[in-house]
Amino acid sequence: MSSHSGEEWLSLREAAELLGMHPATLRLWADRNELPSRRTSGGHRRFRRSDIEARLRQETIHRPDPTAQLLIQSVMGRVRLAFTDGTLENFPWHTHFDEAAYEAFRHLGRRVLELLLRALNNQADKDELRRDAIRLGTEYGTITRQSHVPVADAVRAFLYFRTLLDEGVVQLAEVRGMRDQDIPWIEILHQIQAITNEILPSLIEAAQPPS
């Protein structure tokens, strides 16, 4: 339906179909003023097509990359397995981490994965990602110093974590196919390296005892 101003108005059902949602959900959005609408003289809701299309564009921009989400979930699974199946006990550096240090490193590991997810979804510019990576590295180093973990062992632990990330990418590439042109595997590896390469030097610097 078009008005004399040239705007096209859609019914509740038409707008819901364009957005790929149930009409009841769209009605709730309208009630909460999350999406502009008006009512006809008969009390029926109408939505501007331009508003619906703008909402679709916005959701496309902010929609998480499913490959990135799958990668992060895969790595989280690998990390959980390493902590529960005794794998870490095979590494000499494992003995220098007490329970508090382990828990702190696990928490920081989750934050690193969140940072990577932001990077892979292009949800922040490079300078912001770099600052956050340096901040995380500093926290890693501070925990290392306070927990009296040898710096070399903290680096080994972080590199092990980094290896899980790389293996996660390789595994996904094998499953999805290295020649899948829709998934920039090399770019994903570069983004992981860019972030972890900022974290590691900051970790080492912050882990040094004060002079």
N, C-alpha and C. Protein backbone atom coordinates (compact mmCIF):
# COMPACT_ATOMS: atom_id res chain seq x y z
N MET A 1 0.85 -1.18 0.00
CA MET A 1 0.00 0.00 0.00
C MET A 1 0.89 1.23 0.00
N SER A 2 0.61 2.20 -0.89
CA SER A 2 1.40 3.42 -0.99
C SER A 2 0.55 4.61 -0.61
N SER A 3 1.17 5.59 0.06
CA SER A 3 0.46 6.80 0.45
C SER A 3 0.69 7.86 -0.61
N HIS A 4 -0.01 8.98 -0.46
CA HIS A 4 0.14 10.05 -1.44
C HIS A 4 1.54 10.66 -1.38
N SER A 5 2.29 10.44 -0.28
CA SER A 5 3.64 10.96 -0.15
C SER A 5 4.67 10.08 -0.86
N GLY A 6 4.20 8.97 -1.39
CA GLY A 6 5.09 8.07 -2.11
C GLY A 6 5.68 6.97 -1.26
N GLU A 7 5.43 6.98 0.05
CA GLU A 7 5.94 5.94 0.93
C GLU A 7 5.10 4.68 0.80
N GLU A 8 5.78 3.54 0.85
CA GLU A 8 5.06 2.27 0.78
C GLU A 8 4.90 1.71 2.19
N TRP A 9 3.67 1.36 2.55
CA TRP A 9 3.37 0.82 3.86
C TRP A 9 3.01 -0.65 3.75
N LEU A 10 3.51 -1.43 4.71
CA LEU A 10 3.29 -2.87 4.70
C LEU A 10 2.41 -3.27 5.87
N SER A 11 1.66 -4.33 5.67
CA SER A 11 0.87 -4.88 6.76
C SER A 11 1.79 -5.58 7.75
N LEU A 12 1.25 -5.93 8.90
CA LEU A 12 2.02 -6.64 9.91
C LEU A 12 2.59 -7.93 9.35
N ARG A 13 1.78 -8.69 8.64
CA ARG A 13 2.23 -9.97 8.10
C ARG A 13 3.29 -9.76 7.02
N GLU A 14 3.10 -8.79 6.16
CA GLU A 14 4.08 -8.54 5.09
C GLU A 14 5.43 -8.13 5.68
N ALA A 15 5.39 -7.24 6.68
CA ALA A 15 6.64 -6.79 7.30
C ALA A 15 7.33 -7.94 8.03
N ALA A 16 6.54 -8.76 8.71
CA ALA A 16 7.11 -9.90 9.44
C ALA A 16 7.76 -10.88 8.48
N GLU A 17 7.16 -11.10 7.34
CA GLU A 17 7.73 -12.02 6.35
C GLU A 17 9.07 -11.50 5.83
N LEU A 18 9.14 -10.19 5.59
CA LEU A 18 10.39 -9.61 5.12
C LEU A 18 11.50 -9.76 6.17
N LEU A 19 11.14 -9.61 7.44
CA LEU A 19 12.11 -9.71 8.51
C LEU A 19 12.40 -11.15 8.91
N GLY A 20 11.58 -12.09 8.41
CA GLY A 20 11.77 -13.49 8.75
C GLY A 20 11.43 -13.82 10.18
N MET A 21 10.38 -13.20 10.70
CA MET A 21 9.99 -13.45 12.09
C MET A 21 8.48 -13.65 12.18
N HIS A 22 8.02 -14.09 13.34
CA HIS A 22 6.60 -14.29 13.57
C HIS A 22 5.93 -12.93 13.75
N PRO A 23 4.73 -12.75 13.21
CA PRO A 23 4.03 -11.47 13.37
C PRO A 23 3.88 -11.04 14.82
N ALA A 24 3.71 -11.99 15.74
CA ALA A 24 3.58 -11.64 17.15
C ALA A 24 4.83 -10.96 17.69
N THR A 25 6.00 -11.41 17.20
CA THR A 25 7.26 -10.79 17.62
C THR A 25 7.35 -9.36 17.11
N LEU A 26 6.96 -9.17 15.86
CA LEU A 26 7.00 -7.82 15.29
C LEU A 26 6.00 -6.91 16.00
N ARG A 27 4.86 -7.45 16.36
CA ARG A 27 3.87 -6.66 17.10
C ARG A 27 4.45 -6.21 18.44
N LEU A 28 5.20 -7.10 19.08
CA LEU A 28 5.83 -6.75 20.36
C LEU A 28 6.87 -5.66 20.16
N TRP A 29 7.66 -5.75 19.09
CA TRP A 29 8.64 -4.71 18.78
C TRP A 29 7.95 -3.36 18.63
N ALA A 30 6.83 -3.37 17.91
CA ALA A 30 6.10 -2.12 17.69
C ALA A 30 5.56 -1.57 19.00
N ASP A 31 5.06 -2.45 19.86
CA ASP A 31 4.56 -2.01 21.16
C ASP A 31 5.65 -1.37 22.00
N ARG A 32 6.88 -1.87 21.83
CA ARG A 32 8.02 -1.34 22.59
C ARG A 32 8.70 -0.17 21.88
N ASN A 33 8.14 0.25 20.75
CA ASN A 33 8.72 1.34 19.95
C ASN A 33 10.11 1.01 19.42
N GLU A 34 10.37 -0.29 19.24
CA GLU A 34 11.65 -0.70 18.66
C GLU A 34 11.63 -0.58 17.14
N LEU A 35 10.45 -0.45 16.58
CA LEU A 35 10.30 -0.28 15.13
C LEU A 35 9.10 0.64 14.90
N PRO A 36 9.28 1.71 14.12
CA PRO A 36 8.17 2.65 13.90
C PRO A 36 6.99 1.98 13.20
N SER A 37 5.79 2.37 13.57
CA SER A 37 4.58 1.87 12.91
C SER A 37 3.46 2.89 13.11
N ARG A 38 2.39 2.72 12.39
CA ARG A 38 1.20 3.54 12.59
C ARG A 38 0.00 2.62 12.46
N ARG A 39 -1.15 3.13 12.86
CA ARG A 39 -2.38 2.34 12.78
C ARG A 39 -3.32 2.96 11.76
N THR A 40 -4.02 2.10 11.07
CA THR A 40 -5.04 2.56 10.13
C THR A 40 -6.28 2.95 10.93
N SER A 41 -7.26 3.53 10.24
CA SER A 41 -8.51 3.90 10.92
C SER A 41 -9.21 2.68 11.51
N GLY A 42 -8.89 1.51 10.96
CA GLY A 42 -9.50 0.28 11.47
C GLY A 42 -8.69 -0.37 12.58
N GLY A 43 -7.56 0.27 12.98
CA GLY A 43 -6.75 -0.24 14.08
C GLY A 43 -5.67 -1.22 13.68
N HIS A 44 -5.45 -1.39 12.37
CA HIS A 44 -4.41 -2.33 11.91
C HIS A 44 -3.06 -1.63 11.81
N ARG A 45 -2.01 -2.36 12.16
CA ARG A 45 -0.66 -1.79 12.11
C ARG A 45 -0.14 -1.74 10.68
N ARG A 46 0.61 -0.68 10.39
CA ARG A 46 1.28 -0.54 9.11
C ARG A 46 2.72 -0.12 9.37
N PHE A 47 3.64 -0.66 8.56
CA PHE A 47 5.07 -0.39 8.70
C PHE A 47 5.61 0.15 7.39
N ARG A 48 6.44 1.18 7.48
CA ARG A 48 7.08 1.70 6.26
C ARG A 48 8.07 0.68 5.74
N ARG A 49 8.02 0.42 4.43
CA ARG A 49 8.99 -0.50 3.82
C ARG A 49 10.41 -0.01 4.05
N SER A 50 10.63 1.30 3.99
CA SER A 50 11.97 1.84 4.17
C SER A 50 12.51 1.53 5.57
N ASP A 51 11.63 1.54 6.60
CA ASP A 51 12.06 1.20 7.95
C ASP A 51 12.42 -0.28 8.06
N ILE A 52 11.65 -1.12 7.41
CA ILE A 52 11.91 -2.55 7.44
C ILE A 52 13.23 -2.86 6.75
N GLU A 53 13.45 -2.25 5.60
CA GLU A 53 14.69 -2.49 4.85
C GLU A 53 15.90 -1.97 5.62
N ALA A 54 15.73 -0.83 6.31
CA ALA A 54 16.84 -0.30 7.12
C ALA A 54 17.18 -1.27 8.26
N ARG A 55 16.14 -1.85 8.85
CA ARG A 55 16.36 -2.83 9.93
C ARG A 55 17.09 -4.06 9.40
N LEU A 56 16.73 -4.50 8.21
CA LEU A 56 17.39 -5.65 7.60
C LEU A 56 18.87 -5.36 7.35
N ARG A 57 19.17 -4.16 6.85
CA ARG A 57 20.56 -3.78 6.60
C ARG A 57 21.35 -3.74 7.90
N GLN A 58 20.73 -3.22 8.95
CA GLN A 58 21.40 -3.14 10.25
C GLN A 58 21.70 -4.52 10.79
N GLU A 59 20.76 -5.45 10.68
CA GLU A 59 20.97 -6.80 11.19
C GLU A 59 22.03 -7.53 10.38
N THR A 60 22.09 -7.24 9.08
CA THR A 60 23.11 -7.87 8.23
C THR A 60 24.50 -7.43 8.66
N ILE A 61 24.64 -6.14 9.02
CA ILE A 61 25.93 -5.61 9.42
C ILE A 61 26.40 -6.23 10.73
N HIS A 62 25.45 -6.40 11.68
CA HIS A 62 25.82 -6.84 13.01
C HIS A 62 25.65 -8.34 13.23
N ARG A 63 25.20 -9.05 12.20
CA ARG A 63 24.99 -10.49 12.38
C ARG A 63 26.34 -11.20 12.53
N PRO A 64 26.51 -11.99 13.57
CA PRO A 64 27.79 -12.68 13.77
C PRO A 64 28.10 -13.64 12.62
N ASP A 65 29.37 -13.72 12.29
CA ASP A 65 29.82 -14.65 11.27
C ASP A 65 29.71 -16.07 11.83
N PRO A 66 28.91 -16.95 11.20
CA PRO A 66 28.76 -18.30 11.74
C PRO A 66 30.06 -19.08 11.78
N THR A 67 30.97 -18.82 10.83
CA THR A 67 32.26 -19.52 10.84
C THR A 67 33.08 -19.09 12.05
N ALA A 68 33.05 -17.80 12.36
CA ALA A 68 33.78 -17.31 13.53
C ALA A 68 33.22 -17.92 14.81
N GLN A 69 31.90 -17.97 14.91
CA GLN A 69 31.29 -18.56 16.09
C GLN A 69 31.65 -20.04 16.23
N LEU A 70 31.64 -20.74 15.10
CA LEU A 70 31.99 -22.16 15.12
C LEU A 70 33.43 -22.37 15.55
N LEU A 71 34.32 -21.50 15.09
CA LEU A 71 35.73 -21.60 15.46
C LEU A 71 35.90 -21.40 16.96
N ILE A 72 35.28 -20.36 17.50
CA ILE A 72 35.41 -20.09 18.93
C ILE A 72 34.85 -21.23 19.76
N GLN A 73 33.70 -21.76 19.35
CA GLN A 73 33.10 -22.89 20.07
C GLN A 73 34.01 -24.11 20.03
N SER A 74 34.65 -24.34 18.87
CA SER A 74 35.56 -25.46 18.72
C SER A 74 36.76 -25.33 19.66
N VAL A 75 37.33 -24.12 19.73
CA VAL A 75 38.48 -23.89 20.59
C VAL A 75 38.09 -24.03 22.06
N MET A 76 36.92 -23.51 22.42
CA MET A 76 36.46 -23.63 23.81
C MET A 76 36.32 -25.10 24.20
N GLY A 77 35.83 -25.90 23.26
CA GLY A 77 35.72 -27.34 23.52
C GLY A 77 37.08 -27.98 23.72
N ARG A 78 38.05 -27.57 22.91
CA ARG A 78 39.40 -28.10 23.04
C ARG A 78 40.03 -27.72 24.39
N VAL A 79 39.80 -26.48 24.80
CA VAL A 79 40.36 -26.02 26.07
C VAL A 79 39.73 -26.78 27.23
N ARG A 80 38.41 -26.92 27.21
CA ARG A 80 37.74 -27.67 28.29
C ARG A 80 38.26 -29.10 28.36
N LEU A 81 38.45 -29.72 27.20
CA LEU A 81 38.94 -31.10 27.18
C LEU A 81 40.34 -31.19 27.76
N ALA A 82 41.18 -30.21 27.41
CA ALA A 82 42.56 -30.23 27.92
C ALA A 82 42.60 -30.12 29.43
N PHE A 83 41.63 -29.38 30.01
CA PHE A 83 41.60 -29.21 31.45
C PHE A 83 41.00 -30.41 32.17
N THR A 84 40.23 -31.22 31.46
CA THR A 84 39.52 -32.31 32.15
C THR A 84 40.05 -33.70 31.84
N ASP A 85 40.77 -33.87 30.73
CA ASP A 85 41.19 -35.23 30.38
C ASP A 85 42.63 -35.54 30.76
N GLY A 86 43.28 -34.61 31.47
CA GLY A 86 44.65 -34.86 31.93
C GLY A 86 45.72 -34.50 30.93
N THR A 87 45.34 -33.91 29.78
CA THR A 87 46.33 -33.56 28.76
C THR A 87 47.40 -32.63 29.30
N LEU A 88 46.97 -31.63 30.09
CA LEU A 88 47.92 -30.63 30.57
C LEU A 88 48.98 -31.23 31.49
N GLU A 89 48.65 -32.34 32.12
CA GLU A 89 49.61 -32.95 33.04
C GLU A 89 50.83 -33.50 32.31
N ASN A 90 50.76 -33.59 30.99
CA ASN A 90 51.90 -34.09 30.21
C ASN A 90 52.95 -33.01 29.97
N PHE A 91 52.62 -31.76 30.33
CA PHE A 91 53.54 -30.65 30.09
C PHE A 91 54.23 -30.26 31.39
N PRO A 92 55.57 -30.14 31.37
CA PRO A 92 56.29 -29.77 32.60
C PRO A 92 55.83 -28.45 33.19
N TRP A 93 55.45 -27.47 32.34
CA TRP A 93 55.06 -26.16 32.88
C TRP A 93 53.77 -26.24 33.69
N HIS A 94 53.02 -27.33 33.52
CA HIS A 94 51.75 -27.50 34.22
C HIS A 94 51.93 -27.46 35.73
N THR A 95 53.06 -27.98 36.24
CA THR A 95 53.26 -28.11 37.68
C THR A 95 53.46 -26.76 38.38
N HIS A 96 53.74 -25.72 37.61
CA HIS A 96 54.01 -24.42 38.23
C HIS A 96 52.76 -23.55 38.38
N PHE A 97 51.60 -24.08 37.99
CA PHE A 97 50.35 -23.33 38.11
C PHE A 97 49.53 -23.89 39.26
N ASP A 98 49.23 -23.03 40.23
CA ASP A 98 48.32 -23.48 41.28
C ASP A 98 46.88 -23.26 40.81
N GLU A 99 45.91 -23.63 41.64
CA GLU A 99 44.51 -23.57 41.23
C GLU A 99 44.08 -22.14 40.92
N ALA A 100 44.55 -21.18 41.72
CA ALA A 100 44.18 -19.78 41.50
C ALA A 100 44.71 -19.27 40.16
N ALA A 101 45.96 -19.63 39.85
CA ALA A 101 46.55 -19.20 38.59
C ALA A 101 45.82 -19.84 37.41
N TYR A 102 45.48 -21.13 37.55
CA TYR A 102 44.73 -21.81 36.50
C TYR A 102 43.41 -21.11 36.22
N GLU A 103 42.68 -20.81 37.31
CA GLU A 103 41.37 -20.19 37.14
C GLU A 103 41.50 -18.81 36.51
N ALA A 104 42.51 -18.07 36.90
CA ALA A 104 42.73 -16.74 36.33
C ALA A 104 43.07 -16.84 34.84
N PHE A 105 43.92 -17.79 34.49
CA PHE A 105 44.29 -17.95 33.09
C PHE A 105 43.09 -18.42 32.26
N ARG A 106 42.26 -19.28 32.83
CA ARG A 106 41.06 -19.74 32.11
C ARG A 106 40.12 -18.57 31.85
N HIS A 107 39.96 -17.71 32.84
CA HIS A 107 39.09 -16.55 32.68
C HIS A 107 39.62 -15.62 31.59
N LEU A 108 40.92 -15.38 31.62
CA LEU A 108 41.53 -14.53 30.60
C LEU A 108 41.42 -15.18 29.22
N GLY A 109 41.53 -16.52 29.18
CA GLY A 109 41.40 -17.22 27.91
C GLY A 109 40.05 -16.99 27.28
N ARG A 110 39.00 -17.00 28.10
CA ARG A 110 37.66 -16.73 27.57
C ARG A 110 37.58 -15.31 27.02
N ARG A 111 38.24 -14.39 27.70
CA ARG A 111 38.22 -13.00 27.22
C ARG A 111 39.00 -12.84 25.92
N VAL A 112 40.08 -13.62 25.77
CA VAL A 112 40.82 -13.60 24.50
C VAL A 112 39.92 -14.10 23.37
N LEU A 113 39.15 -15.16 23.64
CA LEU A 113 38.24 -15.68 22.61
C LEU A 113 37.16 -14.66 22.27
N GLU A 114 36.67 -13.95 23.26
CA GLU A 114 35.68 -12.90 23.00
C GLU A 114 36.28 -11.80 22.14
N LEU A 115 37.54 -11.46 22.42
CA LEU A 115 38.23 -10.45 21.63
C LEU A 115 38.41 -10.92 20.19
N LEU A 116 38.78 -12.18 20.02
CA LEU A 116 38.93 -12.74 18.68
C LEU A 116 37.61 -12.74 17.92
N LEU A 117 36.53 -13.06 18.64
CA LEU A 117 35.22 -13.06 17.99
C LEU A 117 34.86 -11.66 17.50
N ARG A 118 35.19 -10.66 18.30
CA ARG A 118 34.95 -9.27 17.87
C ARG A 118 35.77 -8.96 16.63
N ALA A 119 37.02 -9.42 16.62
CA ALA A 119 37.89 -9.15 15.47
C ALA A 119 37.37 -9.84 14.21
N LEU A 120 36.99 -11.10 14.33
CA LEU A 120 36.54 -11.87 13.17
C LEU A 120 35.19 -11.37 12.65
N ASN A 121 34.41 -10.74 13.54
CA ASN A 121 33.12 -10.19 13.12
C ASN A 121 33.21 -8.71 12.76
N ASN A 122 34.46 -8.19 12.73
CA ASN A 122 34.68 -6.77 12.38
C ASN A 122 33.86 -5.84 13.26
N GLN A 123 33.82 -6.12 14.57
CA GLN A 123 33.04 -5.32 15.50
C GLN A 123 33.88 -4.25 16.21
N ALA A 124 35.11 -4.05 15.77
CA ALA A 124 35.95 -3.01 16.36
C ALA A 124 37.07 -2.71 15.39
N ASP A 125 37.61 -1.48 15.48
CA ASP A 125 38.71 -1.14 14.57
C ASP A 125 40.02 -1.71 15.12
N LYS A 126 41.05 -1.67 14.30
CA LYS A 126 42.31 -2.32 14.65
C LYS A 126 42.95 -1.70 15.89
N ASP A 127 42.86 -0.37 16.02
CA ASP A 127 43.48 0.28 17.17
C ASP A 127 42.81 -0.15 18.47
N GLU A 128 41.48 -0.25 18.45
CA GLU A 128 40.76 -0.67 19.64
C GLU A 128 41.11 -2.11 20.00
N LEU A 129 41.17 -2.99 18.99
CA LEU A 129 41.53 -4.38 19.23
C LEU A 129 42.94 -4.49 19.79
N ARG A 130 43.84 -3.67 19.26
CA ARG A 130 45.23 -3.69 19.73
C ARG A 130 45.30 -3.27 21.19
N ARG A 131 44.59 -2.21 21.54
CA ARG A 131 44.61 -1.75 22.94
C ARG A 131 44.06 -2.82 23.88
N ASP A 132 42.97 -3.46 23.47
CA ASP A 132 42.38 -4.50 24.31
C ASP A 132 43.31 -5.70 24.44
N ALA A 133 44.02 -6.04 23.34
CA ALA A 133 44.96 -7.16 23.38
C ALA A 133 46.11 -6.85 24.33
N ILE A 134 46.63 -5.64 24.29
CA ILE A 134 47.72 -5.25 25.18
C ILE A 134 47.25 -5.28 26.63
N ARG A 135 46.02 -4.82 26.86
CA ARG A 135 45.46 -4.84 28.21
C ARG A 135 45.36 -6.28 28.75
N LEU A 136 44.91 -7.19 27.90
CA LEU A 136 44.82 -8.59 28.31
C LEU A 136 46.20 -9.17 28.59
N GLY A 137 47.17 -8.85 27.75
CA GLY A 137 48.53 -9.33 27.96
C GLY A 137 49.09 -8.84 29.28
N THR A 138 48.79 -7.59 29.62
CA THR A 138 49.25 -7.03 30.88
C THR A 138 48.62 -7.77 32.06
N GLU A 139 47.33 -8.11 31.93
CA GLU A 139 46.67 -8.87 33.00
C GLU A 139 47.28 -10.27 33.13
N TYR A 140 47.56 -10.91 32.00
CA TYR A 140 48.23 -12.21 32.03
C TYR A 140 49.55 -12.10 32.79
N GLY A 141 50.34 -11.09 32.43
CA GLY A 141 51.65 -10.93 33.05
C GLY A 141 51.56 -10.62 34.54
N THR A 142 50.58 -9.79 34.92
CA THR A 142 50.41 -9.45 36.33
C THR A 142 50.06 -10.69 37.15
N ILE A 143 49.16 -11.52 36.63
CA ILE A 143 48.79 -12.76 37.32
C ILE A 143 50.00 -13.69 37.40
N THR A 144 50.78 -13.74 36.33
CA THR A 144 51.99 -14.58 36.32
C THR A 144 52.94 -14.17 37.43
N ARG A 145 53.16 -12.86 37.57
CA ARG A 145 54.09 -12.36 38.60
C ARG A 145 53.54 -12.61 40.00
N GLN A 146 52.26 -12.29 40.19
CA GLN A 146 51.66 -12.44 41.52
C GLN A 146 51.55 -13.90 41.96
N SER A 147 51.41 -14.81 40.98
CA SER A 147 51.28 -16.24 41.29
C SER A 147 52.63 -16.93 41.35
N HIS A 148 53.70 -16.17 41.10
CA HIS A 148 55.06 -16.72 41.13
C HIS A 148 55.24 -17.84 40.11
N VAL A 149 54.55 -17.71 38.98
CA VAL A 149 54.74 -18.65 37.87
C VAL A 149 55.94 -18.17 37.06
N PRO A 150 56.90 -19.04 36.75
CA PRO A 150 58.02 -18.61 35.90
C PRO A 150 57.52 -18.03 34.58
N VAL A 151 58.14 -16.94 34.15
CA VAL A 151 57.69 -16.28 32.93
C VAL A 151 57.73 -17.23 31.74
N ALA A 152 58.78 -18.03 31.66
CA ALA A 152 58.91 -18.96 30.54
C ALA A 152 57.74 -19.94 30.51
N ASP A 153 57.28 -20.38 31.68
CA ASP A 153 56.16 -21.32 31.73
C ASP A 153 54.85 -20.64 31.38
N ALA A 154 54.70 -19.38 31.76
CA ALA A 154 53.51 -18.63 31.36
C ALA A 154 53.47 -18.47 29.85
N VAL A 155 54.63 -18.23 29.26
CA VAL A 155 54.71 -18.11 27.79
C VAL A 155 54.37 -19.45 27.14
N ARG A 156 54.90 -20.54 27.71
CA ARG A 156 54.59 -21.86 27.15
C ARG A 156 53.09 -22.16 27.23
N ALA A 157 52.48 -21.79 28.36
CA ALA A 157 51.05 -22.01 28.51
C ALA A 157 50.26 -21.21 27.48
N PHE A 158 50.66 -19.96 27.27
CA PHE A 158 49.96 -19.13 26.29
C PHE A 158 50.16 -19.66 24.87
N LEU A 159 51.36 -20.11 24.56
CA LEU A 159 51.63 -20.66 23.23
C LEU A 159 50.83 -21.95 23.00
N TYR A 160 50.63 -22.72 24.07
CA TYR A 160 49.78 -23.91 23.95
C TYR A 160 48.36 -23.50 23.60
N PHE A 161 47.86 -22.48 24.27
CA PHE A 161 46.54 -21.95 23.98
C PHE A 161 46.47 -21.45 22.53
N ARG A 162 47.53 -20.77 22.11
CA ARG A 162 47.60 -20.27 20.74
C ARG A 162 47.57 -21.44 19.74
N THR A 163 48.24 -22.53 20.08
CA THR A 163 48.23 -23.71 19.21
C THR A 163 46.82 -24.27 19.06
N LEU A 164 46.04 -24.26 20.14
CA LEU A 164 44.66 -24.73 20.05
C LEU A 164 43.85 -23.88 19.08
N LEU A 165 44.13 -22.58 19.06
CA LEU A 165 43.46 -21.69 18.11
C LEU A 165 43.82 -22.06 16.67
N ASP A 166 45.12 -22.23 16.42
CA ASP A 166 45.56 -22.57 15.07
C ASP A 166 44.98 -23.92 14.63
N GLU A 167 44.99 -24.89 15.55
CA GLU A 167 44.45 -26.20 15.21
C GLU A 167 42.95 -26.13 14.94
N GLY A 168 42.26 -25.23 15.66
CA GLY A 168 40.84 -25.06 15.42
C GLY A 168 40.56 -24.55 14.02
N VAL A 169 41.38 -23.62 13.55
CA VAL A 169 41.23 -23.10 12.19
C VAL A 169 41.50 -24.20 11.17
N VAL A 170 42.58 -24.94 11.39
CA VAL A 170 42.94 -26.01 10.45
C VAL A 170 41.85 -27.07 10.39
N GLN A 171 41.33 -27.44 11.55
CA GLN A 171 40.27 -28.46 11.58
C GLN A 171 39.03 -27.98 10.84
N LEU A 172 38.65 -26.72 11.07
CA LEU A 172 37.48 -26.18 10.37
C LEU A 172 37.73 -26.13 8.87
N ALA A 173 38.95 -25.75 8.50
CA ALA A 173 39.28 -25.68 7.08
C ALA A 173 39.18 -27.07 6.43
N GLU A 174 39.60 -28.10 7.17
CA GLU A 174 39.51 -29.46 6.63
C GLU A 174 38.06 -29.90 6.48
N VAL A 175 37.23 -29.51 7.46
CA VAL A 175 35.82 -29.90 7.41
C VAL A 175 35.07 -29.14 6.33
N ARG A 176 35.31 -27.82 6.28
CA ARG A 176 34.57 -26.97 5.35
C ARG A 176 35.21 -26.92 3.96
N GLY A 177 36.49 -27.28 3.89
CA GLY A 177 37.19 -27.26 2.61
C GLY A 177 38.06 -26.03 2.46
N MET A 178 39.34 -26.24 2.26
CA MET A 178 40.28 -25.13 2.13
C MET A 178 39.96 -24.25 0.94
N ARG A 179 39.27 -24.81 -0.06
CA ARG A 179 38.99 -24.04 -1.27
C ARG A 179 37.65 -23.30 -1.20
N ASP A 180 37.03 -23.32 -0.03
CA ASP A 180 35.78 -22.59 0.13
C ASP A 180 36.09 -21.10 0.06
N GLN A 181 35.73 -20.48 -1.06
CA GLN A 181 36.08 -19.09 -1.29
C GLN A 181 35.30 -18.13 -0.38
N ASP A 182 34.24 -18.62 0.23
CA ASP A 182 33.44 -17.75 1.10
C ASP A 182 34.05 -17.60 2.49
N ILE A 183 35.04 -18.40 2.81
CA ILE A 183 35.66 -18.35 4.14
C ILE A 183 37.14 -18.02 3.99
N PRO A 184 37.56 -16.82 4.41
CA PRO A 184 38.96 -16.39 4.25
C PRO A 184 39.86 -16.99 5.34
N TRP A 185 40.25 -18.25 5.16
CA TRP A 185 41.02 -18.94 6.19
C TRP A 185 42.32 -18.21 6.52
N ILE A 186 43.03 -17.76 5.49
CA ILE A 186 44.31 -17.08 5.72
C ILE A 186 44.10 -15.80 6.51
N GLU A 187 43.04 -15.06 6.18
CA GLU A 187 42.74 -13.83 6.89
C GLU A 187 42.40 -14.11 8.35
N ILE A 188 41.69 -15.20 8.60
CA ILE A 188 41.37 -15.58 9.98
C ILE A 188 42.66 -15.84 10.77
N LEU A 189 43.59 -16.59 10.17
CA LEU A 189 44.86 -16.85 10.84
C LEU A 189 45.63 -15.56 11.10
N HIS A 190 45.61 -14.65 10.14
CA HIS A 190 46.30 -13.37 10.31
C HIS A 190 45.70 -12.56 11.44
N GLN A 191 44.38 -12.59 11.56
CA GLN A 191 43.73 -11.85 12.63
C GLN A 191 44.07 -12.44 14.00
N ILE A 192 44.12 -13.77 14.07
CA ILE A 192 44.51 -14.41 15.32
C ILE A 192 45.95 -14.03 15.69
N GLN A 193 46.84 -14.06 14.70
CA GLN A 193 48.23 -13.72 14.94
C GLN A 193 48.38 -12.26 15.37
N ALA A 194 47.63 -11.38 14.75
CA ALA A 194 47.73 -9.96 15.07
C ALA A 194 47.38 -9.70 16.53
N ILE A 195 46.38 -10.40 17.03
CA ILE A 195 45.96 -10.21 18.43
C ILE A 195 46.92 -10.90 19.39
N THR A 196 47.22 -12.17 19.13
CA THR A 196 48.10 -12.90 20.06
C THR A 196 49.52 -12.33 20.05
N ASN A 197 49.94 -11.76 18.94
CA ASN A 197 51.27 -11.15 18.88
C ASN A 197 51.35 -9.86 19.70
N GLU A 198 50.23 -9.27 20.01
CA GLU A 198 50.20 -8.12 20.91
C GLU A 198 50.13 -8.58 22.36
N ILE A 199 49.41 -9.67 22.60
CA ILE A 199 49.23 -10.15 23.97
C ILE A 199 50.54 -10.65 24.56
N LEU A 200 51.28 -11.46 23.79
CA LEU A 200 52.45 -12.13 24.33
C LEU A 200 53.54 -11.16 24.83
N PRO A 201 53.96 -10.16 24.05
CA PRO A 201 54.97 -9.23 24.58
C PRO A 201 54.50 -8.49 25.82
N SER A 202 53.21 -8.15 25.85
CA SER A 202 52.68 -7.45 27.02
C SER A 202 52.70 -8.35 28.24
N LEU A 203 52.43 -9.63 28.02
CA LEU A 203 52.50 -10.61 29.11
C LEU A 203 53.92 -10.65 29.69
N ILE A 204 54.90 -10.77 28.81
CA ILE A 204 56.29 -10.88 29.25
C ILE A 204 56.72 -9.62 30.00
N GLU A 205 56.35 -8.47 29.47
CA GLU A 205 56.75 -7.21 30.09
C GLU A 205 56.14 -7.06 31.49
N ALA A 206 54.83 -7.36 31.60
CA ALA A 206 54.15 -7.21 32.90
C ALA A 206 54.57 -8.27 33.90
N ALA A 207 55.07 -9.40 33.44
CA ALA A 207 55.46 -10.49 34.34
C ALA A 207 56.83 -10.26 34.99
N GLN A 208 57.59 -9.32 34.46
CA GLN A 208 58.91 -9.06 35.02
C GLN A 208 58.78 -8.43 36.40
N PRO A 209 59.60 -8.85 37.34
CA PRO A 209 59.57 -8.21 38.67
C PRO A 209 60.00 -6.76 38.59
N PRO A 210 59.41 -5.90 39.41
CA PRO A 210 59.79 -4.48 39.37
C PRO A 210 61.26 -4.30 39.70
N SER A 211 61.88 -3.40 38.99
CA SER A 211 63.33 -3.17 39.21
C SER A 211 63.58 -2.26 40.41
